[in-house]
Amino acid sequence: MRTLARRCRRPLAVSCWIRPSDGPVDPRASTAELALNVVHRLAATADVALERFEHPAGELYWALGAEPPRRPLCGDRQLAWYAARVDRARELIESRFDEDLSLARLAREVGMSLYSFARVFAELAGETPHRYLVGVRLHEAARRLRAGQPVTEVAHVVGYGSLGHFISSFRRAFGATPSRFARSRTPLPPRPGRGAARG
């Protein structure tokens, strides 16, 4: 918690003023915040589970980028509270990466609203919760492949329901298929963790 708070003394693109999704539009909201809010409003009125919108909403927010605030939005006490929640979410991801860790579930586990959690995690951890989860899963997959476990078994153990999805994700991350990586002498990448915080 202290490490994250120390690294993020700069003004955050994390809002202490953000309103509920059914409230009025804040004129200070960035394009990224407005886009994410629109996606969440659509999800709330759609006849499908909110979880189906989570990944695209988080990626949209991160791709658009949060505009820097005109003034610091959070004091040290609020920042420390946020940092503790992000630390807890990272611990959950690192220890239960094989489970179905949706954005909504992580937000509930750390006691934050889905919208605030997505924004705060991306700002303090430097990537969306989904990207962080994928990084942890793929690192564990690489470790298990090097230990000689079969590709299909590794895909299942680290939380992938589709072998094809696992192989394409692994190839994007490591530049090689899982089977080729297992036979290579390429060093294992550093595990995602505390050193990944922005600041």
C-alpha atoms as a PDB file:
ATOM      1  CA  MET A   1       0.000   0.000   0.000  1.00  0.00           C
ATOM      2  CA  ARG A   2       2.709   2.496   0.970  1.00  0.00           C
ATOM      3  CA  THR A   3       4.715   1.643  -2.127  1.00  0.00           C
ATOM      4  CA  LEU A   4       1.813   2.460  -4.437  1.00  0.00           C
ATOM      5  CA  ALA A   5       0.982   5.632  -2.540  1.00  0.00           C
ATOM      6  CA  ARG A   6       4.605   6.823  -2.672  1.00  0.00           C
ATOM      7  CA  ARG A   7       4.841   6.194  -6.398  1.00  0.00           C
ATOM      8  CA  CYS A   8       1.645   8.052  -7.179  1.00  0.00           C
ATOM      9  CA  ARG A   9       2.122  11.417  -5.457  1.00  0.00           C
ATOM     10  CA  ARG A  10       1.503  13.164  -8.771  1.00  0.00           C
ATOM     11  CA  PRO A  11      -2.039  14.362  -9.575  1.00  0.00           C
ATOM     12  CA  LEU A  12      -4.106  11.318 -10.495  1.00  0.00           C
ATOM     13  CA  ALA A  13      -6.494  10.772 -13.344  1.00  0.00           C
ATOM     14  CA  VAL A  14      -8.541   9.098 -10.612  1.00  0.00           C
ATOM     15  CA  SER A  15     -11.691  10.929  -9.736  1.00  0.00           C
ATOM     16  CA  CYS A  16     -12.909  11.635  -6.234  1.00  0.00           C
ATOM     17  CA  TRP A  17     -15.818  13.557  -7.747  1.00  0.00           C
ATOM     18  CA  ILE A  18     -17.165  11.008 -10.209  1.00  0.00           C
ATOM     19  CA  ARG A  19     -20.917  10.688 -10.002  1.00  0.00           C
ATOM     20  CA  PRO A  20     -23.151   7.623 -10.106  1.00  0.00           C
ATOM     21  CA  SER A  21     -24.004   6.434 -13.612  1.00  0.00           C
ATOM     22  CA  ASP A  22     -27.556   7.788 -13.317  1.00  0.00           C
ATOM     23  CA  GLY A  23     -26.409  11.250 -12.191  1.00  0.00           C
ATOM     24  CA  PRO A  24     -25.785  14.361 -14.293  1.00  0.00           C
ATOM     25  CA  VAL A  25     -22.806  14.556 -16.627  1.00  0.00           C
ATOM     26  CA  ASP A  26     -19.851  16.258 -14.978  1.00  0.00           C
ATOM     27  CA  PRO A  27     -18.407  18.951 -17.292  1.00  0.00           C
ATOM     28  CA  ARG A  28     -14.906  18.080 -16.048  1.00  0.00           C
ATOM     29  CA  ALA A  29     -15.181  14.457 -17.192  1.00  0.00           C
ATOM     30  CA  SER A  30     -12.688  13.381 -19.832  1.00  0.00           C
ATOM     31  CA  THR A  31     -13.628  11.736 -23.112  1.00  0.00           C
ATOM     32  CA  ALA A  32     -12.474   8.401 -21.683  1.00  0.00           C
ATOM     33  CA  GLU A  33     -14.655   8.771 -18.594  1.00  0.00           C
ATOM     34  CA  LEU A  34     -17.698   9.739 -20.627  1.00  0.00           C
ATOM     35  CA  ALA A  35     -17.208   6.793 -23.006  1.00  0.00           C
ATOM     36  CA  LEU A  36     -16.898   4.339 -20.125  1.00  0.00           C
ATOM     37  CA  ASN A  37     -19.986   5.821 -18.484  1.00  0.00           C
ATOM     38  CA  VAL A  38     -21.972   5.430 -21.726  1.00  0.00           C
ATOM     39  CA  VAL A  39     -20.965   1.758 -22.008  1.00  0.00           C
ATOM     40  CA  HIS A  40     -22.045   1.131 -18.414  1.00  0.00           C
ATOM     41  CA  ARG A  41     -25.388   2.866 -18.993  1.00  0.00           C
ATOM     42  CA  LEU A  42     -25.974   0.725 -22.081  1.00  0.00           C
ATOM     43  CA  ALA A  43     -25.091  -2.387 -20.099  1.00  0.00           C
ATOM     44  CA  ALA A  44     -27.531  -1.397 -17.365  1.00  0.00           C
ATOM     45  CA  THR A  45     -30.396  -1.123 -19.864  1.00  0.00           C
ATOM     46  CA  ALA A  46     -29.446  -4.119 -22.006  1.00  0.00           C
ATOM     47  CA  ASP A  47     -30.959  -7.548 -21.531  1.00  0.00           C
ATOM     48  CA  VAL A  48     -27.547  -9.177 -20.929  1.00  0.00           C
ATOM     49  CA  ALA A  49     -25.232  -9.542 -17.961  1.00  0.00           C
ATOM     50  CA  LEU A  50     -23.027  -6.549 -17.151  1.00  0.00           C
ATOM     51  CA  GLU A  51     -19.966  -8.823 -17.147  1.00  0.00           C
ATOM     52  CA  ARG A  52     -20.206  -9.134 -20.955  1.00  0.00           C
ATOM     53  CA  PHE A  53     -19.535  -5.389 -21.228  1.00  0.00           C
ATOM     54  CA  GLU A  54     -16.711  -5.212 -18.711  1.00  0.00           C
ATOM     55  CA  HIS A  55     -13.718  -6.076 -20.849  1.00  0.00           C
ATOM     56  CA  PRO A  56     -14.685  -3.850 -23.816  1.00  0.00           C
ATOM     57  CA  ALA A  57     -15.551  -1.002 -21.441  1.00  0.00           C
ATOM     58  CA  GLY A  58     -12.212  -1.245 -19.654  1.00  0.00           C
ATOM     59  CA  GLU A  59     -10.275  -1.476 -22.898  1.00  0.00           C
ATOM     60  CA  LEU A  60     -12.190   1.506 -24.331  1.00  0.00           C
ATOM     61  CA  TYR A  61     -11.420   3.604 -21.270  1.00  0.00           C
ATOM     62  CA  TRP A  62      -7.738   2.690 -21.355  1.00  0.00           C
ATOM     63  CA  ALA A  63      -7.406   3.146 -25.138  1.00  0.00           C
ATOM     64  CA  LEU A  64      -8.897   6.629 -25.040  1.00  0.00           C
ATOM     65  CA  GLY A  65      -6.715   7.558 -22.103  1.00  0.00           C
ATOM     66  CA  ALA A  66      -7.710   9.658 -19.152  1.00  0.00           C
ATOM     67  CA  GLU A  67      -7.006  13.342 -19.607  1.00  0.00           C
ATOM     68  CA  PRO A  68      -4.849  14.755 -16.814  1.00  0.00           C
ATOM     69  CA  PRO A  69      -6.888  16.635 -14.219  1.00  0.00           C
ATOM     70  CA  ARG A  70      -6.517  20.383 -13.819  1.00  0.00           C
ATOM     71  CA  ARG A  71      -5.852  19.943 -10.119  1.00  0.00           C
ATOM     72  CA  PRO A  72      -5.126  17.040  -7.768  1.00  0.00           C
ATOM     73  CA  LEU A  73      -8.360  15.204  -7.118  1.00  0.00           C
ATOM     74  CA  CYS A  74      -7.342  13.102  -4.113  1.00  0.00           C
ATOM     75  CA  GLY A  75      -5.522  13.795  -0.915  1.00  0.00           C
ATOM     76  CA  ASP A  76      -3.002  11.461   0.679  1.00  0.00           C
ATOM     77  CA  ARG A  77      -5.613   9.723   2.818  1.00  0.00           C
ATOM     78  CA  GLN A  78      -7.868   8.957  -0.160  1.00  0.00           C
ATOM     79  CA  LEU A  79      -4.862   7.841  -2.213  1.00  0.00           C
ATOM     80  CA  ALA A  80      -3.771   5.454   0.553  1.00  0.00           C
ATOM     81  CA  TRP A  81      -7.302   4.010   0.642  1.00  0.00           C
ATOM     82  CA  TYR A  82      -7.237   3.484  -3.128  1.00  0.00           C
ATOM     83  CA  ALA A  83      -3.738   1.961  -3.016  1.00  0.00           C
ATOM     84  CA  ALA A  84      -4.847  -0.562  -0.386  1.00  0.00           C
ATOM     85  CA  ARG A  85      -7.787  -1.617  -2.583  1.00  0.00           C
ATOM     86  CA  VAL A  86      -5.570  -2.008  -5.647  1.00  0.00           C
ATOM     87  CA  ASP A  87      -3.048  -4.039  -3.638  1.00  0.00           C
ATOM     88  CA  ARG A  88      -5.856  -6.317  -2.468  1.00  0.00           C
ATOM     89  CA  ALA A  89      -7.124  -6.765  -6.028  1.00  0.00           C
ATOM     90  CA  ARG A  90      -3.627  -7.650  -7.239  1.00  0.00           C
ATOM     91  CA  GLU A  91      -3.270 -10.208  -4.457  1.00  0.00           C
ATOM     92  CA  LEU A  92      -6.590 -11.766  -5.479  1.00  0.00           C
ATOM     93  CA  ILE A  93      -5.532 -11.922  -9.122  1.00  0.00           C
ATOM     94  CA  GLU A  94      -2.125 -13.396  -8.293  1.00  0.00           C
ATOM     95  CA  SER A  95      -3.532 -16.057  -5.977  1.00  0.00           C
ATOM     96  CA  ARG A  96      -6.781 -16.934  -7.821  1.00  0.00           C
ATOM     97  CA  PHE A  97      -5.894 -16.297 -11.471  1.00  0.00           C
ATOM     98  CA  ASP A  98      -7.431 -19.630 -12.484  1.00  0.00           C
ATOM     99  CA  GLU A  99     -10.904 -18.523 -11.361  1.00  0.00           C
ATOM    100  CA  ASP A 100     -13.451 -16.428 -13.262  1.00  0.00           C
ATOM    101  CA  LEU A 101     -12.327 -13.033 -11.960  1.00  0.00           C
ATOM    102  CA  SER A 102     -14.671 -10.559 -13.600  1.00  0.00           C
ATOM    103  CA  LEU A 103     -14.300  -6.831 -13.097  1.00  0.00           C
ATOM    104  CA  ALA A 104     -17.532  -6.811 -11.098  1.00  0.00           C
ATOM    105  CA  ARG A 105     -16.277  -9.576  -8.804  1.00  0.00           C
ATOM    106  CA  LEU A 106     -12.946  -7.855  -8.149  1.00  0.00           C
ATOM    107  CA  ALA A 107     -14.696  -4.553  -7.440  1.00  0.00           C
ATOM    108  CA  ARG A 108     -17.036  -6.268  -4.955  1.00  0.00           C
ATOM    109  CA  GLU A 109     -14.142  -8.073  -3.251  1.00  0.00           C
ATOM    110  CA  VAL A 110     -12.308  -4.796  -2.563  1.00  0.00           C
ATOM    111  CA  GLY A 111     -15.410  -2.790  -1.657  1.00  0.00           C
ATOM    112  CA  MET A 112     -15.544  -0.355  -4.586  1.00  0.00           C
ATOM    113  CA  SER A 113     -18.008   0.461  -7.333  1.00  0.00           C
ATOM    114  CA  LEU A 114     -17.198  -1.177 -10.657  1.00  0.00           C
ATOM    115  CA  TYR A 115     -16.627   2.165 -12.396  1.00  0.00           C
ATOM    116  CA  SER A 116     -14.338   3.624  -9.735  1.00  0.00           C
ATOM    117  CA  PHE A 117     -12.400   0.383  -9.375  1.00  0.00           C
ATOM    118  CA  ALA A 118     -11.686   0.135 -13.118  1.00  0.00           C
ATOM    119  CA  ARG A 119     -10.374   3.710 -13.196  1.00  0.00           C
ATOM    120  CA  VAL A 120      -8.348   3.545  -9.999  1.00  0.00           C
ATOM    121  CA  PHE A 121      -6.750   0.182 -10.814  1.00  0.00           C
ATOM    122  CA  ALA A 122      -5.693   1.344 -14.297  1.00  0.00           C
ATOM    123  CA  GLU A 123      -4.152   4.512 -12.891  1.00  0.00           C
ATOM    124  CA  LEU A 124      -2.253   2.925 -10.011  1.00  0.00           C
ATOM    125  CA  ALA A 125      -1.283  -0.399 -11.593  1.00  0.00           C
ATOM    126  CA  GLY A 126      -0.567   1.003 -15.044  1.00  0.00           C
ATOM    127  CA  GLU A 127      -2.937  -1.358 -16.869  1.00  0.00           C
ATOM    128  CA  THR A 128      -6.515  -2.545 -16.713  1.00  0.00           C
ATOM    129  CA  PRO A 129      -7.457  -5.358 -14.320  1.00  0.00           C
ATOM    130  CA  HIS A 130      -8.081  -7.633 -17.311  1.00  0.00           C
ATOM    131  CA  ARG A 131      -4.617  -7.013 -18.773  1.00  0.00           C
ATOM    132  CA  TYR A 132      -3.060  -7.594 -15.373  1.00  0.00           C
ATOM    133  CA  LEU A 133      -4.951 -10.890 -15.013  1.00  0.00           C
ATOM    134  CA  VAL A 134      -3.868 -12.013 -18.494  1.00  0.00           C
ATOM    135  CA  GLY A 135      -0.240 -11.176 -17.662  1.00  0.00           C
ATOM    136  CA  VAL A 136      -0.353 -13.227 -14.462  1.00  0.00           C
ATOM    137  CA  ARG A 137      -2.007 -16.168 -16.236  1.00  0.00           C
ATOM    138  CA  LEU A 138       0.484 -16.181 -19.103  1.00  0.00           C
ATOM    139  CA  HIS A 139       3.492 -15.927 -16.796  1.00  0.00           C
ATOM    140  CA  GLU A 140       2.237 -18.923 -14.835  1.00  0.00           C
ATOM    141  CA  ALA A 141       1.603 -20.754 -18.109  1.00  0.00           C
ATOM    142  CA  ALA A 142       5.181 -20.096 -19.250  1.00  0.00           C
ATOM    143  CA  ARG A 143       6.524 -21.411 -15.932  1.00  0.00           C
ATOM    144  CA  ARG A 144       4.437 -24.584 -16.172  1.00  0.00           C
ATOM    145  CA  LEU A 145       5.364 -25.184 -19.813  1.00  0.00           C
ATOM    146  CA  ARG A 146       9.043 -24.997 -18.907  1.00  0.00           C
ATOM    147  CA  ALA A 147       8.400 -27.541 -16.172  1.00  0.00           C
ATOM    148  CA  GLY A 148       7.184 -29.951 -18.858  1.00  0.00           C
ATOM    149  CA  GLN A 149       3.401 -29.820 -18.447  1.00  0.00           C
ATOM    150  CA  PRO A 150       1.322 -30.422 -21.618  1.00  0.00           C
ATOM    151  CA  VAL A 151      -0.060 -27.352 -23.408  1.00  0.00           C
ATOM    152  CA  THR A 152      -3.718 -28.385 -23.070  1.00  0.00           C
ATOM    153  CA  GLU A 153      -3.355 -29.025 -19.349  1.00  0.00           C
ATOM    154  CA  VAL A 154      -1.585 -25.694 -18.805  1.00  0.00           C
ATOM    155  CA  ALA A 155      -4.290 -23.783 -20.674  1.00  0.00           C
ATOM    156  CA  HIS A 156      -6.967 -25.265 -18.420  1.00  0.00           C
ATOM    157  CA  VAL A 157      -4.996 -24.864 -15.176  1.00  0.00           C
ATOM    158  CA  VAL A 158      -4.314 -21.150 -15.707  1.00  0.00           C
ATOM    159  CA  GLY A 159      -7.944 -20.342 -16.453  1.00  0.00           C
ATOM    160  CA  TYR A 160      -8.415 -20.532 -20.229  1.00  0.00           C
ATOM    161  CA  GLY A 161     -11.554 -22.300 -21.407  1.00  0.00           C
ATOM    162  CA  SER A 162     -10.425 -22.312 -25.026  1.00  0.00           C
ATOM    163  CA  LEU A 163      -7.144 -23.829 -26.178  1.00  0.00           C
ATOM    164  CA  GLY A 164      -7.167 -21.672 -29.312  1.00  0.00           C
ATOM    165  CA  HIS A 165      -7.592 -18.498 -27.270  1.00  0.00           C
ATOM    166  CA  PHE A 166      -4.769 -19.544 -24.969  1.00  0.00           C
ATOM    167  CA  ILE A 167      -2.396 -20.255 -27.862  1.00  0.00           C
ATOM    168  CA  SER A 168      -3.120 -16.936 -29.593  1.00  0.00           C
ATOM    169  CA  SER A 169      -2.758 -14.969 -26.334  1.00  0.00           C
ATOM    170  CA  PHE A 170       0.490 -16.758 -25.517  1.00  0.00           C
ATOM    171  CA  ARG A 171       1.905 -16.151 -29.006  1.00  0.00           C
ATOM    172  CA  ARG A 172       1.077 -12.419 -28.765  1.00  0.00           C
ATOM    173  CA  ALA A 173       2.789 -12.154 -25.390  1.00  0.00           C
ATOM    174  CA  PHE A 174       5.893 -14.284 -26.023  1.00  0.00           C
ATOM    175  CA  GLY A 175       6.309 -14.297 -29.793  1.00  0.00           C
ATOM    176  CA  ALA A 176       6.107 -18.093 -29.975  1.00  0.00           C
ATOM    177  CA  THR A 177       3.519 -20.820 -29.601  1.00  0.00           C
ATOM    178  CA  PRO A 178       3.364 -22.524 -26.195  1.00  0.00           C
ATOM    179  CA  SER A 179       4.947 -25.732 -27.518  1.00  0.00           C
ATOM    180  CA  ARG A 180       7.820 -23.876 -29.179  1.00  0.00           C
ATOM    181  CA  PHE A 181       8.361 -21.752 -26.053  1.00  0.00           C
ATOM    182  CA  ALA A 182       8.488 -24.914 -23.927  1.00  0.00           C
ATOM    183  CA  ARG A 183      11.355 -26.269 -26.057  1.00  0.00           C
ATOM    184  CA  SER A 184      13.276 -22.990 -26.255  1.00  0.00           C
ATOM    185  CA  ARG A 185      15.872 -21.596 -23.881  1.00  0.00           C
ATOM    186  CA  THR A 186      14.294 -18.149 -23.747  1.00  0.00           C
ATOM    187  CA  PRO A 187      14.416 -16.856 -20.160  1.00  0.00           C
ATOM    188  CA  LEU A 188      11.142 -16.565 -18.323  1.00  0.00           C
ATOM    189  CA  PRO A 189       9.845 -12.981 -18.236  1.00  0.00           C
ATOM    190  CA  PRO A 190       9.554 -11.255 -14.850  1.00  0.00           C
ATOM    191  CA  ARG A 191       6.292 -12.008 -13.116  1.00  0.00           C
ATOM    192  CA  PRO A 192       3.780  -9.137 -13.025  1.00  0.00           C
ATOM    193  CA  GLY A 193       3.718  -7.764  -9.503  1.00  0.00           C
ATOM    194  CA  ARG A 194       4.460  -4.872  -7.234  1.00  0.00           C
ATOM    195  CA  GLY A 195       7.154  -3.444  -9.487  1.00  0.00           C
ATOM    196  CA  ALA A 196       4.595  -2.775 -12.204  1.00  0.00           C
ATOM    197  CA  ALA A 197       3.015   0.239 -10.486  1.00  0.00           C
ATOM    198  CA  ARG A 198       3.113   3.462 -12.424  1.00  0.00           C
ATOM    199  CA  GLY A 199       4.741   6.601 -11.144  1.00  0.00           C
END
